[in-house]
C-alpha cells in the first residue's frame, strides 16, 4: 500500500467508523484461516498502523512498485518472492 492516493490522500490510514481503513482488512484476515497477514507498503506510517493491528510488514516495497502505475500482480509477486527467498513456503495467497 502506498500512501500517495490522488483522490483521497492517506486513505489507507484515514479513520472510518473509529479505526483506520486498513484495520478492517487486517482484522478480517486475522479472523480467518489465513496463517500470516503481510502488508506490502513503502510508507512508514502505513507500516506502523498495519503492525499495530497485527499485520507483518517484513519489507519495504521497492520504489518501482510504489507509484500510481504499479499493478497489483507485480506487487504480489514481489512479496511472494521476498518471503520465499527467506525460507517461507507459500501455498496460497489472498489479496485484500
PDB file of N, CA and C in Angstrom:
ATOM      1  N   UNK A   1       0.827  -1.176   0.000  1.00  0.00           N
ATOM      2  CA  UNK A   1       0.000   0.000   0.000  1.00  0.00           C
ATOM      3  C   UNK A   1       0.868   1.234   0.000  1.00  0.00           C
ATOM      4  N   UNK A   2       0.586   2.065  -0.912  1.00  0.00           N
ATOM      5  CA  UNK A   2       1.285   3.333  -0.947  1.00  0.00           C
ATOM      6  C   UNK A   2       0.449   4.402  -0.268  1.00  0.00           C
ATOM      7  N   UNK A   3       1.095   5.431   0.159  1.00  0.00           N
ATOM      8  CA  UNK A   3       0.379   6.490   0.840  1.00  0.00           C
ATOM      9  C   UNK A   3      -0.061   7.606  -0.066  1.00  0.00           C
ATOM     10  N   UNK A   4       0.245   7.501  -1.366  1.00  0.00           N
ATOM     11  CA  UNK A   4       0.061   8.636  -2.251  1.00  0.00           C
ATOM     12  C   UNK A   4      -1.187   8.640  -3.102  1.00  0.00           C
ATOM     13  N   UNK A   5      -2.342   8.264  -2.564  1.00  0.00           N
ATOM     14  CA  UNK A   5      -3.577   8.316  -3.348  1.00  0.00           C
ATOM     15  C   UNK A   5      -3.861   9.743  -3.789  1.00  0.00           C
ATOM     16  N   UNK A   6      -4.259   9.888  -5.032  1.00  0.00           N
ATOM     17  CA  UNK A   6      -4.558  11.221  -5.574  1.00  0.00           C
ATOM     18  C   UNK A   6      -5.940  11.709  -5.141  1.00  0.00           C
ATOM     19  N   UNK A   7      -6.931  10.815  -5.139  1.00  0.00           N
ATOM     20  CA  UNK A   7      -8.299  11.230  -4.821  1.00  0.00           C
ATOM     21  C   UNK A   7      -8.532  11.403  -3.329  1.00  0.00           C
ATOM     22  N   UNK A   8      -8.024  10.476  -2.519  1.00  0.00           N
ATOM     23  CA  UNK A   8      -8.173  10.556  -1.063  1.00  0.00           C
ATOM     24  C   UNK A   8      -6.798  10.339  -0.443  1.00  0.00           C
ATOM     25  N   UNK A   9      -6.061  11.428  -0.230  1.00  0.00           N
ATOM     26  CA  UNK A   9      -4.712  11.296   0.339  1.00  0.00           C
ATOM     27  C   UNK A   9      -4.720  10.552   1.672  1.00  0.00           C
ATOM     28  N   UNK A  10      -3.778   9.617   1.825  1.00  0.00           N
ATOM     29  CA  UNK A  10      -3.589   8.834   3.057  1.00  0.00           C
ATOM     30  C   UNK A  10      -4.809   7.955   3.370  1.00  0.00           C
ATOM     31  N   UNK A  11      -5.531   7.525   2.331  1.00  0.00           N
ATOM     32  CA  UNK A  11      -6.801   6.828   2.537  1.00  0.00           C
ATOM     33  C   UNK A  11      -6.669   5.562   3.382  1.00  0.00           C
ATOM     34  N   UNK A  12      -5.596   4.831   3.262  1.00  0.00           N
ATOM     35  CA  UNK A  12      -5.457   3.568   3.987  1.00  0.00           C
ATOM     36  C   UNK A  12      -5.418   3.746   5.500  1.00  0.00           C
ATOM     37  N   UNK A  13      -4.996   4.916   5.935  1.00  0.00           N
ATOM     38  CA  UNK A  13      -4.918   5.152   7.378  1.00  0.00           C
ATOM     39  C   UNK A  13      -5.913   6.205   7.852  1.00  0.00           C
ATOM     40  N   UNK A  14      -6.797   6.648   6.973  1.00  0.00           N
ATOM     41  CA  UNK A  14      -7.876   7.553   7.378  1.00  0.00           C
ATOM     42  C   UNK A  14      -8.812   6.794   8.317  1.00  0.00           C
ATOM     43  N   UNK A  15      -9.290   7.483   9.324  1.00  0.00           N
ATOM     44  CA  UNK A  15     -10.217   6.863  10.267  1.00  0.00           C
ATOM     45  C   UNK A  15     -11.605   6.765   9.643  1.00  0.00           C
ATOM     46  N   UNK A  16     -12.179   5.586   9.751  1.00  0.00           N
ATOM     47  CA  UNK A  16     -13.545   5.336   9.287  1.00  0.00           C
ATOM     48  C   UNK A  16     -14.250   4.532  10.370  1.00  0.00           C
ATOM     49  N   UNK A  17     -15.285   5.073  10.921  1.00  0.00           N
ATOM     50  CA  UNK A  17     -16.046   4.387  11.962  1.00  0.00           C
ATOM     51  C   UNK A  17     -15.161   3.956  13.131  1.00  0.00           C
ATOM     52  N   UNK A  18     -14.226   4.818  13.483  1.00  0.00           N
ATOM     53  CA  UNK A  18     -13.441   4.589  14.686  1.00  0.00           C
ATOM     54  C   UNK A  18     -12.061   3.973  14.541  1.00  0.00           C
ATOM     55  N   UNK A  19     -11.714   3.552  13.341  1.00  0.00           N
ATOM     56  CA  UNK A  19     -10.369   2.978  13.157  1.00  0.00           C
ATOM     57  C   UNK A  19      -9.893   3.186  11.727  1.00  0.00           C
ATOM     58  N   UNK A  20      -8.594   3.037  11.504  1.00  0.00           N
ATOM     59  CA  UNK A  20      -8.054   3.223  10.154  1.00  0.00           C
ATOM     60  C   UNK A  20      -8.655   2.204   9.180  1.00  0.00           C
ATOM     61  N   UNK A  21      -8.871   2.632   7.954  1.00  0.00           N
ATOM     62  CA  UNK A  21      -9.471   1.765   6.940  1.00  0.00           C
ATOM     63  C   UNK A  21      -8.686   0.457   6.785  1.00  0.00           C
ATOM     64  N   UNK A  22      -7.373   0.520   6.815  1.00  0.00           N
ATOM     65  CA  UNK A  22      -6.549  -0.684   6.661  1.00  0.00           C
ATOM     66  C   UNK A  22      -6.830  -1.712   7.762  1.00  0.00           C
ATOM     67  N   UNK A  23      -7.257  -1.246   8.920  1.00  0.00           N
ATOM     68  CA  UNK A  23      -7.507  -2.150  10.049  1.00  0.00           C
ATOM     69  C   UNK A  23      -8.605  -3.159   9.736  1.00  0.00           C
ATOM     70  N   UNK A  24      -9.592  -2.771   8.957  1.00  0.00           N
ATOM     71  CA  UNK A  24     -10.701  -3.679   8.655  1.00  0.00           C
ATOM     72  C   UNK A  24     -10.231  -4.906   7.869  1.00  0.00           C
ATOM     73  N   UNK A  25      -9.381  -4.697   6.881  1.00  0.00           N
ATOM     74  CA  UNK A  25      -8.848  -5.828   6.103  1.00  0.00           C
ATOM     75  C   UNK A  25      -7.955  -6.702   6.963  1.00  0.00           C
ATOM     76  N   UNK A  26      -7.110  -6.070   7.751  1.00  0.00           N
ATOM     77  CA  UNK A  26      -6.196  -6.828   8.608  1.00  0.00           C
ATOM     78  C   UNK A  26      -6.983  -7.669   9.604  1.00  0.00           C
ATOM     79  N   UNK A  27      -7.948  -7.065  10.267  1.00  0.00           N
ATOM     80  CA  UNK A  27      -8.736  -7.805  11.257  1.00  0.00           C
ATOM     81  C   UNK A  27      -9.536  -8.936  10.622  1.00  0.00           C
ATOM     82  N   UNK A  28     -10.085  -8.708   9.429  1.00  0.00           N
ATOM     83  CA  UNK A  28     -10.819  -9.771   8.738  1.00  0.00           C
ATOM     84  C   UNK A  28      -9.891 -10.937   8.412  1.00  0.00           C
ATOM     85  N   UNK A  29      -8.701 -10.622   7.928  1.00  0.00           N
ATOM     86  CA  UNK A  29      -7.744 -11.676   7.581  1.00  0.00           C
ATOM     87  C   UNK A  29      -7.291 -12.437   8.827  1.00  0.00           C
ATOM     88  N   UNK A  30      -7.005 -11.707   9.904  1.00  0.00           N
ATOM     89  CA  UNK A  30      -6.579 -12.354  11.147  1.00  0.00           C
ATOM     90  C   UNK A  30      -7.681 -13.220  11.746  1.00  0.00           C
ATOM     91  N   UNK A  31      -8.934 -12.877  11.470  1.00  0.00           N
ATOM     92  CA  UNK A  31     -10.057 -13.656  11.977  1.00  0.00           C
ATOM     93  C   UNK A  31     -10.423 -14.837  11.100  1.00  0.00           C
ATOM     94  N   UNK A  32      -9.687 -15.035  10.030  1.00  0.00           N
ATOM     95  CA  UNK A  32      -9.944 -16.145   9.107  1.00  0.00           C
ATOM     96  C   UNK A  32      -8.910 -17.240   9.335  1.00  0.00           C
ATOM     97  N   UNK A  33      -8.817 -18.135   8.388  1.00  0.00           N
ATOM     98  CA  UNK A  33      -7.852 -19.226   8.495  1.00  0.00           C
ATOM     99  C   UNK A  33      -6.499 -18.877   7.861  1.00  0.00           C
ATOM    100  N   UNK A  34      -6.291 -17.614   7.540  1.00  0.00           N
ATOM    101  CA  UNK A  34      -5.026 -17.175   6.953  1.00  0.00           C
ATOM    102  C   UNK A  34      -3.922 -17.262   8.005  1.00  0.00           C
ATOM    103  N   UNK A  35      -2.776 -17.828   7.626  1.00  0.00           N
ATOM    104  CA  UNK A  35      -1.664 -18.018   8.559  1.00  0.00           C
ATOM    105  C   UNK A  35      -0.927 -16.723   8.876  1.00  0.00           C
ATOM    106  N   UNK A  36      -0.648 -15.933   7.867  1.00  0.00           N
ATOM    107  CA  UNK A  36       0.102 -14.693   8.053  1.00  0.00           C
ATOM    108  C   UNK A  36      -0.567 -13.577   7.276  1.00  0.00           C
ATOM    109  N   UNK A  37      -0.612 -12.419   7.884  1.00  0.00           N
ATOM    110  CA  UNK A  37      -1.144 -11.239   7.213  1.00  0.00           C
ATOM    111  C   UNK A  37       0.036 -10.307   6.976  1.00  0.00           C
ATOM    112  N   UNK A  38       0.355 -10.114   5.706  1.00  0.00           N
ATOM    113  CA  UNK A  38       1.517  -9.313   5.328  1.00  0.00           C
ATOM    114  C   UNK A  38       1.041  -8.094   4.551  1.00  0.00           C
ATOM    115  N   UNK A  39       1.522  -6.940   4.951  1.00  0.00           N
ATOM    116  CA  UNK A  39       1.207  -5.702   4.247  1.00  0.00           C
ATOM    117  C   UNK A  39       2.447  -5.275   3.468  1.00  0.00           C
ATOM    118  N   UNK A  40       2.258  -5.025   2.182  1.00  0.00           N
ATOM    119  CA  UNK A  40       3.322  -4.516   1.326  1.00  0.00           C
ATOM    120  C   UNK A  40       3.128  -3.014   1.182  1.00  0.00           C
ATOM    121  N   UNK A  41       4.094  -2.242   1.664  1.00  0.00           N
ATOM    122  CA  UNK A  41       4.000  -0.788   1.588  1.00  0.00           C
ATOM    123  C   UNK A  41       5.383  -0.171   1.533  1.00  0.00           C
ATOM    124  N   UNK A  42       5.415   1.054   1.044  1.00  0.00           N
ATOM    125  CA  UNK A  42       6.645   1.843   1.071  1.00  0.00           C
ATOM    126  C   UNK A  42       6.496   2.988   2.075  1.00  0.00           C
ATOM    127  N   UNK A  43       5.363   3.030   2.749  1.00  0.00           N
ATOM    128  CA  UNK A  43       5.012   4.155   3.608  1.00  0.00           C
ATOM    129  C   UNK A  43       5.201   3.794   5.085  1.00  0.00           C
ATOM    130  N   UNK A  44       6.018   4.558   5.774  1.00  0.00           N
ATOM    131  CA  UNK A  44       6.348   4.274   7.176  1.00  0.00           C
ATOM    132  C   UNK A  44       5.115   4.341   8.077  1.00  0.00           C
ATOM    133  N   UNK A  45       4.246   5.310   7.838  1.00  0.00           N
ATOM    134  CA  UNK A  45       3.061   5.454   8.691  1.00  0.00           C
ATOM    135  C   UNK A  45       2.071   4.308   8.470  1.00  0.00           C
ATOM    136  N   UNK A  46       1.885   3.898   7.222  1.00  0.00           N
ATOM    137  CA  UNK A  46       1.023   2.747   6.937  1.00  0.00           C
ATOM    138  C   UNK A  46       1.607   1.501   7.594  1.00  0.00           C
ATOM    139  N   UNK A  47       2.911   1.345   7.508  1.00  0.00           N
ATOM    140  CA  UNK A  47       3.583   0.218   8.141  1.00  0.00           C
ATOM    141  C   UNK A  47       3.315   0.190   9.644  1.00  0.00           C
ATOM    142  N   UNK A  48       3.441   1.331  10.280  1.00  0.00           N
ATOM    143  CA  UNK A  48       3.223   1.430  11.729  1.00  0.00           C
ATOM    144  C   UNK A  48       1.790   1.043  12.103  1.00  0.00           C
ATOM    145  N   UNK A  49       0.811   1.572  11.376  1.00  0.00           N
ATOM    146  CA  UNK A  49      -0.591   1.274  11.653  1.00  0.00           C
ATOM    147  C   UNK A  49      -0.867  -0.212  11.404  1.00  0.00           C
ATOM    148  N   UNK A  50      -0.354  -0.758  10.312  1.00  0.00           N
ATOM    149  CA  UNK A  50      -0.561  -2.177   9.998  1.00  0.00           C
ATOM    150  C   UNK A  50      -0.028  -3.060  11.117  1.00  0.00           C
ATOM    151  N   UNK A  51       1.151  -2.746  11.620  1.00  0.00           N
ATOM    152  CA  UNK A  51       1.737  -3.522  12.724  1.00  0.00           C
ATOM    153  C   UNK A  51       0.900  -3.397  13.988  1.00  0.00           C
ATOM    154  N   UNK A  52       0.378  -2.210  14.255  1.00  0.00           N
ATOM    155  CA  UNK A  52      -0.468  -2.004  15.443  1.00  0.00           C
ATOM    156  C   UNK A  52      -1.701  -2.893  15.418  1.00  0.00           C
ATOM    157  N   UNK A  53      -2.181  -3.214  14.232  1.00  0.00           N
ATOM    158  CA  UNK A  53      -3.367  -4.058  14.107  1.00  0.00           C
ATOM    159  C   UNK A  53      -3.028  -5.526  13.866  1.00  0.00           C
ATOM    160  N   UNK A  54      -1.763  -5.891  13.975  1.00  0.00           N
ATOM    161  CA  UNK A  54      -1.376  -7.296  13.946  1.00  0.00           C
ATOM    162  C   UNK A  54      -0.803  -7.831  12.662  1.00  0.00           C
ATOM    163  N   UNK A  55      -0.639  -7.003  11.649  1.00  0.00           N
ATOM    164  CA  UNK A  55      -0.055  -7.466  10.384  1.00  0.00           C
ATOM    165  C   UNK A  55       1.463  -7.479  10.476  1.00  0.00           C
ATOM    166  N   UNK A  56       2.066  -8.260   9.634  1.00  0.00           N
ATOM    167  CA  UNK A  56       3.520  -8.246   9.471  1.00  0.00           C
ATOM    168  C   UNK A  56       3.856  -7.299   8.331  1.00  0.00           C
ATOM    169  N   UNK A  57       4.924  -6.555   8.505  1.00  0.00           N
ATOM    170  CA  UNK A  57       5.425  -5.684   7.434  1.00  0.00           C
ATOM    171  C   UNK A  57       6.928  -5.966   7.365  1.00  0.00           C
ATOM    172  N   UNK A  58       7.300  -7.098   6.752  1.00  0.00           N
ATOM    173  CA  UNK A  58       8.686  -7.557   6.819  1.00  0.00           C
ATOM    174  C   UNK A  58       9.652  -6.879   5.851  1.00  0.00           C
ATOM    175  N   UNK A  59       9.138  -6.074   4.932  1.00  0.00           N
ATOM    176  CA  UNK A  59      10.000  -5.422   3.939  1.00  0.00           C
ATOM    177  C   UNK A  59       9.390  -4.095   3.542  1.00  0.00           C
ATOM    178  N   UNK A  60      10.198  -3.273   2.917  1.00  0.00           N
ATOM    179  CA  UNK A  60       9.719  -2.016   2.331  1.00  0.00           C
ATOM    180  C   UNK A  60       9.540  -2.265   0.839  1.00  0.00           C
ATOM    181  N   UNK A  61       8.370  -1.946   0.330  1.00  0.00           N
ATOM    182  CA  UNK A  61       8.104  -2.158  -1.090  1.00  0.00           C
ATOM    183  C   UNK A  61       9.050  -1.297  -1.918  1.00  0.00           C
ATOM    184  N   UNK A  62       9.661  -1.875  -2.966  1.00  0.00           N
ATOM    185  CA  UNK A  62      10.584  -1.115  -3.802  1.00  0.00           C
ATOM    186  C   UNK A  62       9.910   0.068  -4.498  1.00  0.00           C
ATOM    187  N   UNK A  63      10.692   1.080  -4.767  1.00  0.00           N
ATOM    188  CA  UNK A  63      10.196   2.308  -5.383  1.00  0.00           C
ATOM    189  C   UNK A  63       9.466   2.052  -6.695  1.00  0.00           C
ATOM    190  N   UNK A  64       9.986   1.138  -7.509  1.00  0.00           N
ATOM    191  CA  UNK A  64       9.365   0.887  -8.815  1.00  0.00           C
ATOM    192  C   UNK A  64       7.988   0.234  -8.702  1.00  0.00           C
ATOM    193  N   UNK A  65       7.638  -0.267  -7.509  1.00  0.00           N
ATOM    194  CA  UNK A  65       6.321  -0.855  -7.275  1.00  0.00           C
ATOM    195  C   UNK A  65       5.471   0.022  -6.351  1.00  0.00           C
ATOM    196  N   UNK A  66       5.878   1.272  -6.210  1.00  0.00           N
ATOM    197  CA  UNK A  66       5.214   2.171  -5.256  1.00  0.00           C
ATOM    198  C   UNK A  66       4.692   3.448  -5.891  1.00  0.00           C
ATOM    199  N   UNK A  67       4.369   3.384  -7.154  1.00  0.00           N
ATOM    200  CA  UNK A  67       3.878   4.591  -7.827  1.00  0.00           C
ATOM    201  C   UNK A  67       2.457   4.359  -8.341  1.00  0.00           C
ATOM    202  N   UNK A  68       1.872   5.384  -8.913  1.00  0.00           N
ATOM    203  CA  UNK A  68       0.495   5.310  -9.410  1.00  0.00           C
ATOM    204  C   UNK A  68       0.305   4.308 -10.543  1.00  0.00           C
ATOM    205  N   UNK A  69       1.380   3.877 -11.164  1.00  0.00           N
ATOM    206  CA  UNK A  69       1.292   2.981 -12.316  1.00  0.00           C
ATOM    207  C   UNK A  69       1.611   1.525 -11.973  1.00  0.00           C
ATOM    208  N   UNK A  70       1.950   1.268 -10.717  1.00  0.00           N
ATOM    209  CA  UNK A  70       2.281  -0.096 -10.303  1.00  0.00           C
ATOM    210  C   UNK A  70       1.015  -0.952 -10.276  1.00  0.00           C
ATOM    211  N   UNK A  71       1.076  -2.085 -10.943  1.00  0.00           N
ATOM    212  CA  UNK A  71      -0.058  -3.005 -10.970  1.00  0.00           C
ATOM    213  C   UNK A  71      -0.008  -3.933  -9.756  1.00  0.00           C
ATOM    214  N   UNK A  72      -1.131  -4.516  -9.442  1.00  0.00           N
ATOM    215  CA  UNK A  72      -1.230  -5.387  -8.262  1.00  0.00           C
ATOM    216  C   UNK A  72      -0.400  -6.656  -8.410  1.00  0.00           C
ATOM    217  N   UNK A  73      -0.439  -7.313  -9.570  1.00  0.00           N
ATOM    218  CA  UNK A  73       0.268  -8.589  -9.729  1.00  0.00           C
ATOM    219  C   UNK A  73       1.773  -8.494  -9.468  1.00  0.00           C
ATOM    220  N   UNK A  74       2.480  -7.495  -9.987  1.00  0.00           N
ATOM    221  CA  UNK A  74       3.904  -7.397  -9.667  1.00  0.00           C
ATOM    222  C   UNK A  74       4.171  -7.145  -8.177  1.00  0.00           C
ATOM    223  N   UNK A  75       3.278  -6.434  -7.518  1.00  0.00           N
ATOM    224  CA  UNK A  75       3.428  -6.198  -6.076  1.00  0.00           C
ATOM    225  C   UNK A  75       3.287  -7.517  -5.323  1.00  0.00           C
ATOM    226  N   UNK A  76       2.296  -8.313  -5.690  1.00  0.00           N
ATOM    227  CA  UNK A  76       2.102  -9.614  -5.050  1.00  0.00           C
ATOM    228  C   UNK A  76       3.275 -10.530  -5.355  1.00  0.00           C
ATOM    229  N   UNK A  77       3.717 -10.540  -6.605  1.00  0.00           N
ATOM    230  CA  UNK A  77       4.860 -11.372  -6.999  1.00  0.00           C
ATOM    231  C   UNK A  77       6.105 -10.999  -6.181  1.00  0.00           C
ATOM    232  N   UNK A  78       6.337  -9.710  -5.992  1.00  0.00           N
ATOM    233  CA  UNK A  78       7.478  -9.262  -5.188  1.00  0.00           C
ATOM    234  C   UNK A  78       7.378  -9.788  -3.753  1.00  0.00           C
ATOM    235  N   UNK A  79       6.190  -9.671  -3.154  1.00  0.00           N
ATOM    236  CA  UNK A  79       6.005 -10.122  -1.770  1.00  0.00           C
ATOM    237  C   UNK A  79       6.248 -11.630  -1.651  1.00  0.00           C
ATOM    238  N   UNK A  80       5.711 -12.400  -2.589  1.00  0.00           N
ATOM    239  CA  UNK A  80       5.901 -13.856  -2.562  1.00  0.00           C
ATOM    240  C   UNK A  80       7.373 -14.200  -2.698  1.00  0.00           C
ATOM    241  N   UNK A  81       8.047 -13.599  -3.672  1.00  0.00           N
ATOM    242  CA  UNK A  81       9.471 -13.875  -3.881  1.00  0.00           C
ATOM    243  C   UNK A  81      10.279 -13.498  -2.647  1.00  0.00           C
ATOM    244  N   UNK A  82       9.981 -12.343  -2.050  1.00  0.00           N
ATOM    245  CA  UNK A  82      10.713 -11.899  -0.868  1.00  0.00           C
ATOM    246  C   UNK A  82      10.573 -12.925   0.256  1.00  0.00           C
ATOM    247  N   UNK A  83       9.361 -13.399   0.473  1.00  0.00           N
ATOM    248  CA  UNK A  83       9.115 -14.382   1.539  1.00  0.00           C
ATOM    249  C   UNK A  83       9.784 -15.724   1.218  1.00  0.00           C
ATOM    250  N   UNK A  84       9.647 -16.200  -0.015  1.00  0.00           N
ATOM    251  CA  UNK A  84      10.249 -17.482  -0.394  1.00  0.00           C
ATOM    252  C   UNK A  84      11.769 -17.426  -0.342  1.00  0.00           C
ATOM    253  N   UNK A  85      12.350 -16.295  -0.723  1.00  0.00           N
ATOM    254  CA  UNK A  85      13.811 -16.151  -0.660  1.00  0.00           C
ATOM    255  C   UNK A  85      14.333 -16.256   0.766  1.00  0.00           C
ATOM    256  N   UNK A  86      13.456 -16.075   1.738  1.00  0.00           N
ATOM    257  CA  UNK A  86      13.842 -16.142   3.143  1.00  0.00           C
ATOM    258  C   UNK A  86      13.305 -17.391   3.832  1.00  0.00           C
ATOM    259  N   UNK A  87      12.907 -18.382   3.023  1.00  0.00           N
ATOM    260  CA  UNK A  87      12.559 -19.688   3.557  1.00  0.00           C
ATOM    261  C   UNK A  87      11.086 -19.988   3.751  1.00  0.00           C
ATOM    262  N   UNK A  88      10.215 -19.060   3.451  1.00  0.00           N
ATOM    263  CA  UNK A  88       8.787 -19.344   3.596  1.00  0.00           C
ATOM    264  C   UNK A  88       8.308 -20.224   2.453  1.00  0.00           C
ATOM    265  N   UNK A  89       7.407 -21.118   2.765  1.00  0.00           N
ATOM    266  CA  UNK A  89       6.771 -21.964   1.760  1.00  0.00           C
ATOM    267  C   UNK A  89       5.364 -21.407   1.541  1.00  0.00           C
ATOM    268  N   UNK A  90       5.122 -20.836   0.383  1.00  0.00           N
ATOM    269  CA  UNK A  90       3.843 -20.190   0.083  1.00  0.00           C
ATOM    270  C   UNK A  90       2.964 -21.184  -0.663  1.00  0.00           C
ATOM    271  N   UNK A  91       1.847 -21.554  -0.063  1.00  0.00           N
ATOM    272  CA  UNK A  91       0.904 -22.463  -0.708  1.00  0.00           C
ATOM    273  C   UNK A  91      -0.245 -21.734  -1.379  1.00  0.00           C
ATOM    274  N   UNK A  92      -0.636 -20.621  -0.807  1.00  0.00           N
ATOM    275  CA  UNK A  92      -1.729 -19.837  -1.371  1.00  0.00           C
ATOM    276  C   UNK A  92      -1.587 -18.384  -0.925  1.00  0.00           C
ATOM    277  N   UNK A  93      -2.235 -17.502  -1.698  1.00  0.00           N
ATOM    278  CA  UNK A  93      -2.158 -16.074  -1.433  1.00  0.00           C
ATOM    279  C   UNK A  93      -3.551 -15.481  -1.603  1.00  0.00           C
ATOM    280  N   UNK A  94      -3.884 -14.553  -0.748  1.00  0.00           N
ATOM    281  CA  UNK A  94      -5.138 -13.817  -0.837  1.00  0.00           C
ATOM    282  C   UNK A  94      -4.809 -12.338  -0.798  1.00  0.00           C
ATOM    283  N   UNK A  95      -5.288 -11.603  -1.755  1.00  0.00           N
ATOM    284  CA  UNK A  95      -5.034 -10.161  -1.807  1.00  0.00           C
ATOM    285  C   UNK A  95      -6.284  -9.421  -1.374  1.00  0.00           C
ATOM    286  N   UNK A  96      -6.155  -8.644  -0.323  1.00  0.00           N
ATOM    287  CA  UNK A  96      -7.293  -7.857   0.170  1.00  0.00           C
ATOM    288  C   UNK A  96      -7.048  -6.394  -0.074  1.00  0.00           C
TER     289      UNK A  96
END
